[in-house]
Amino acid sequence: MLYLHEPTSNTLPERSKMEGWMVTVAIEEDGDDEAFRHVTYAVATDDPAEAVKLSLKDSGAKAAMVNCPLEEEQLQRLGLQPGELIALHRDEVDPIIPRPRRH
C-alpha cells in the first residue's frame, strides 16, 4: 500500500524555475576552417536543445555550446520573451545589447 506524506521541514527548497540558456556559437571566418569568431546568446527557452537550434539558426554557425542556465529575472532584464534570443557578446564588439529577435 502507498502512503503519501506531507512535506516536512527536512524537505529541500524547490529550485527557482529555469527559463533560458546562455549559448556560445563558433562561426568560421572567410571559409578558413581554423579561424573562428564567437557569438554568445541569451535564449529564452527552457529546453537546452532548442536554445542551441535557435542560436545556430540565427548565426549560421555549425557548432554551439550550452554555457549555463538563465533564470527568468535575468531574461526579463534583457527584455526577452519566450522563444526570443539576443546576442550578448561578439568578438568584434563587447558587449552588445541589440533588440531581441523571435524565430
C-alpha atoms as a PDB file:
ATOM      1  CA  MET A   1       0.000   0.000   0.000  1.00  0.00           C
ATOM      2  CA  LEU A   2       1.284   3.501  -0.889  1.00  0.00           C
ATOM      3  CA  TYR A   3       1.042   6.295   1.644  1.00  0.00           C
ATOM      4  CA  LEU A   4       1.555   9.931   0.757  1.00  0.00           C
ATOM      5  CA  HIS A   5       3.212  12.059   3.396  1.00  0.00           C
ATOM      6  CA  GLU A   6       3.080  15.777   3.921  1.00  0.00           C
ATOM      7  CA  PRO A   7       6.407  17.568   3.286  1.00  0.00           C
ATOM      8  CA  THR A   8       8.490  18.021   6.407  1.00  0.00           C
ATOM      9  CA  SER A   9      10.914  20.735   7.394  1.00  0.00           C
ATOM     10  CA  ASN A  10      13.691  18.470   6.051  1.00  0.00           C
ATOM     11  CA  THR A  11      12.362  18.854   2.510  1.00  0.00           C
ATOM     12  CA  LEU A  12      14.774  20.703   0.249  1.00  0.00           C
ATOM     13  CA  PRO A  13      13.510  24.026  -1.102  1.00  0.00           C
ATOM     14  CA  GLU A  14      12.348  23.966  -4.709  1.00  0.00           C
ATOM     15  CA  ARG A  15      14.843  25.494  -7.141  1.00  0.00           C
ATOM     16  CA  SER A  16      13.724  28.560  -8.994  1.00  0.00           C
ATOM     17  CA  LYS A  17      12.328  27.703 -12.399  1.00  0.00           C
ATOM     18  CA  MET A  18      14.901  27.951 -15.139  1.00  0.00           C
ATOM     19  CA  GLU A  19      13.649  29.861 -18.157  1.00  0.00           C
ATOM     20  CA  GLY A  20      16.587  30.095 -20.551  1.00  0.00           C
ATOM     21  CA  TRP A  21      20.149  29.276 -21.552  1.00  0.00           C
ATOM     22  CA  MET A  22      23.341  31.054 -22.480  1.00  0.00           C
ATOM     23  CA  VAL A  23      24.773  29.565 -25.690  1.00  0.00           C
ATOM     24  CA  THR A  24      28.061  30.290 -27.497  1.00  0.00           C
ATOM     25  CA  VAL A  25      28.439  29.550 -31.207  1.00  0.00           C
ATOM     26  CA  ALA A  26      31.624  29.294 -33.266  1.00  0.00           C
ATOM     27  CA  ILE A  27      31.477  30.811 -36.757  1.00  0.00           C
ATOM     28  CA  GLU A  28      34.109  30.099 -39.400  1.00  0.00           C
ATOM     29  CA  GLU A  29      35.797  33.208 -40.745  1.00  0.00           C
ATOM     30  CA  ASP A  30      36.004  33.511 -44.534  1.00  0.00           C
ATOM     31  CA  GLY A  31      35.957  29.753 -45.156  1.00  0.00           C
ATOM     32  CA  ASP A  32      39.066  29.208 -43.020  1.00  0.00           C
ATOM     33  CA  ASP A  33      38.277  26.078 -41.006  1.00  0.00           C
ATOM     34  CA  GLU A  34      40.890  27.033 -38.401  1.00  0.00           C
ATOM     35  CA  ALA A  35      39.807  30.652 -37.791  1.00  0.00           C
ATOM     36  CA  PHE A  36      36.643  31.240 -35.796  1.00  0.00           C
ATOM     37  CA  ARG A  37      34.797  34.080 -34.188  1.00  0.00           C
ATOM     38  CA  HIS A  38      32.409  33.559 -31.298  1.00  0.00           C
ATOM     39  CA  VAL A  39      28.958  34.926 -30.501  1.00  0.00           C
ATOM     40  CA  THR A  40      27.279  34.388 -27.131  1.00  0.00           C
ATOM     41  CA  TYR A  41      23.480  34.409 -26.961  1.00  0.00           C
ATOM     42  CA  ALA A  42      20.858  34.560 -24.237  1.00  0.00           C
ATOM     43  CA  VAL A  43      17.985  32.338 -25.376  1.00  0.00           C
ATOM     44  CA  ALA A  44      14.565  32.354 -23.704  1.00  0.00           C
ATOM     45  CA  THR A  45      13.608  28.673 -23.794  1.00  0.00           C
ATOM     46  CA  ASP A  46      13.727  26.075 -21.047  1.00  0.00           C
ATOM     47  CA  ASP A  47      14.943  23.370 -23.467  1.00  0.00           C
ATOM     48  CA  PRO A  48      18.746  23.457 -23.976  1.00  0.00           C
ATOM     49  CA  ALA A  49      18.473  21.613 -27.325  1.00  0.00           C
ATOM     50  CA  GLU A  50      16.014  24.243 -28.590  1.00  0.00           C
ATOM     51  CA  ALA A  51      18.348  27.007 -27.343  1.00  0.00           C
ATOM     52  CA  VAL A  52      21.158  25.512 -29.444  1.00  0.00           C
ATOM     53  CA  LYS A  53      18.894  25.186 -32.516  1.00  0.00           C
ATOM     54  CA  LEU A  54      17.751  28.823 -32.272  1.00  0.00           C
ATOM     55  CA  SER A  55      21.333  30.066 -31.841  1.00  0.00           C
ATOM     56  CA  LEU A  56      22.607  28.040 -34.807  1.00  0.00           C
ATOM     57  CA  LYS A  57      19.713  29.236 -36.976  1.00  0.00           C
ATOM     58  CA  ASP A  58      20.306  32.892 -36.091  1.00  0.00           C
ATOM     59  CA  SER A  59      24.076  32.799 -36.554  1.00  0.00           C
ATOM     60  CA  GLY A  60      24.506  30.330 -39.406  1.00  0.00           C
ATOM     61  CA  ALA A  61      27.157  28.609 -37.293  1.00  0.00           C
ATOM     62  CA  LYS A  62      27.856  24.879 -37.393  1.00  0.00           C
ATOM     63  CA  ALA A  63      28.870  24.419 -33.750  1.00  0.00           C
ATOM     64  CA  ALA A  64      27.401  25.574 -30.443  1.00  0.00           C
ATOM     65  CA  MET A  65      27.988  25.042 -26.742  1.00  0.00           C
ATOM     66  CA  VAL A  66      25.459  25.495 -23.927  1.00  0.00           C
ATOM     67  CA  ASN A  67      27.186  27.586 -21.262  1.00  0.00           C
ATOM     68  CA  CYS A  68      24.773  27.921 -18.363  1.00  0.00           C
ATOM     69  CA  PRO A  69      21.119  28.274 -17.385  1.00  0.00           C
ATOM     70  CA  LEU A  70      19.489  31.691 -17.152  1.00  0.00           C
ATOM     71  CA  GLU A  71      16.710  32.498 -14.724  1.00  0.00           C
ATOM     72  CA  GLU A  72      13.540  34.380 -15.539  1.00  0.00           C
ATOM     73  CA  GLU A  73      14.740  37.582 -13.840  1.00  0.00           C
ATOM     74  CA  GLN A  74      17.888  37.658 -15.982  1.00  0.00           C
ATOM     75  CA  LEU A  75      15.854  37.227 -19.170  1.00  0.00           C
ATOM     76  CA  GLN A  76      13.433  39.982 -18.110  1.00  0.00           C
ATOM     77  CA  ARG A  77      16.333  42.411 -17.599  1.00  0.00           C
ATOM     78  CA  LEU A  78      17.335  41.711 -21.210  1.00  0.00           C
ATOM     79  CA  GLY A  79      13.763  42.260 -22.403  1.00  0.00           C
ATOM     80  CA  LEU A  80      13.378  38.695 -23.700  1.00  0.00           C
ATOM     81  CA  GLN A  81      10.083  36.867 -24.116  1.00  0.00           C
ATOM     82  CA  PRO A  82       9.741  33.078 -24.559  1.00  0.00           C
ATOM     83  CA  GLY A  83      11.226  31.960 -27.885  1.00  0.00           C
ATOM     84  CA  GLU A  84      13.402  35.067 -28.327  1.00  0.00           C
ATOM     85  CA  LEU A  85      17.179  35.370 -28.294  1.00  0.00           C
ATOM     86  CA  ILE A  86      19.690  38.178 -28.130  1.00  0.00           C
ATOM     87  CA  ALA A  87      23.422  38.331 -28.855  1.00  0.00           C
ATOM     88  CA  LEU A  88      25.285  39.332 -25.693  1.00  0.00           C
ATOM     89  CA  HIS A  89      28.869  39.193 -26.956  1.00  0.00           C
ATOM     90  CA  ARG A  90      30.582  39.100 -30.331  1.00  0.00           C
ATOM     91  CA  ASP A  91      34.310  39.051 -30.916  1.00  0.00           C
ATOM     92  CA  GLU A  92      34.148  42.362 -32.811  1.00  0.00           C
ATOM     93  CA  VAL A  93      32.251  44.339 -30.153  1.00  0.00           C
ATOM     94  CA  ASP A  94      31.774  43.565 -26.476  1.00  0.00           C
ATOM     95  CA  PRO A  95      29.215  43.853 -25.009  1.00  0.00           C
ATOM     96  CA  ILE A  96      26.373  44.392 -27.456  1.00  0.00           C
ATOM     97  CA  ILE A  97      22.756  44.523 -26.443  1.00  0.00           C
ATOM     98  CA  PRO A  98      20.630  44.764 -29.595  1.00  0.00           C
ATOM     99  CA  ARG A  99      16.888  44.235 -29.704  1.00  0.00           C
ATOM    100  CA  PRO A 100      15.596  40.692 -29.006  1.00  0.00           C
ATOM    101  CA  ARG A 101      14.649  38.581 -32.039  1.00  0.00           C
ATOM    102  CA  ARG A 102      11.923  35.957 -32.329  1.00  0.00           C
ATOM    103  CA  HIS A 103      12.355  32.871 -34.515  1.00  0.00           C
END
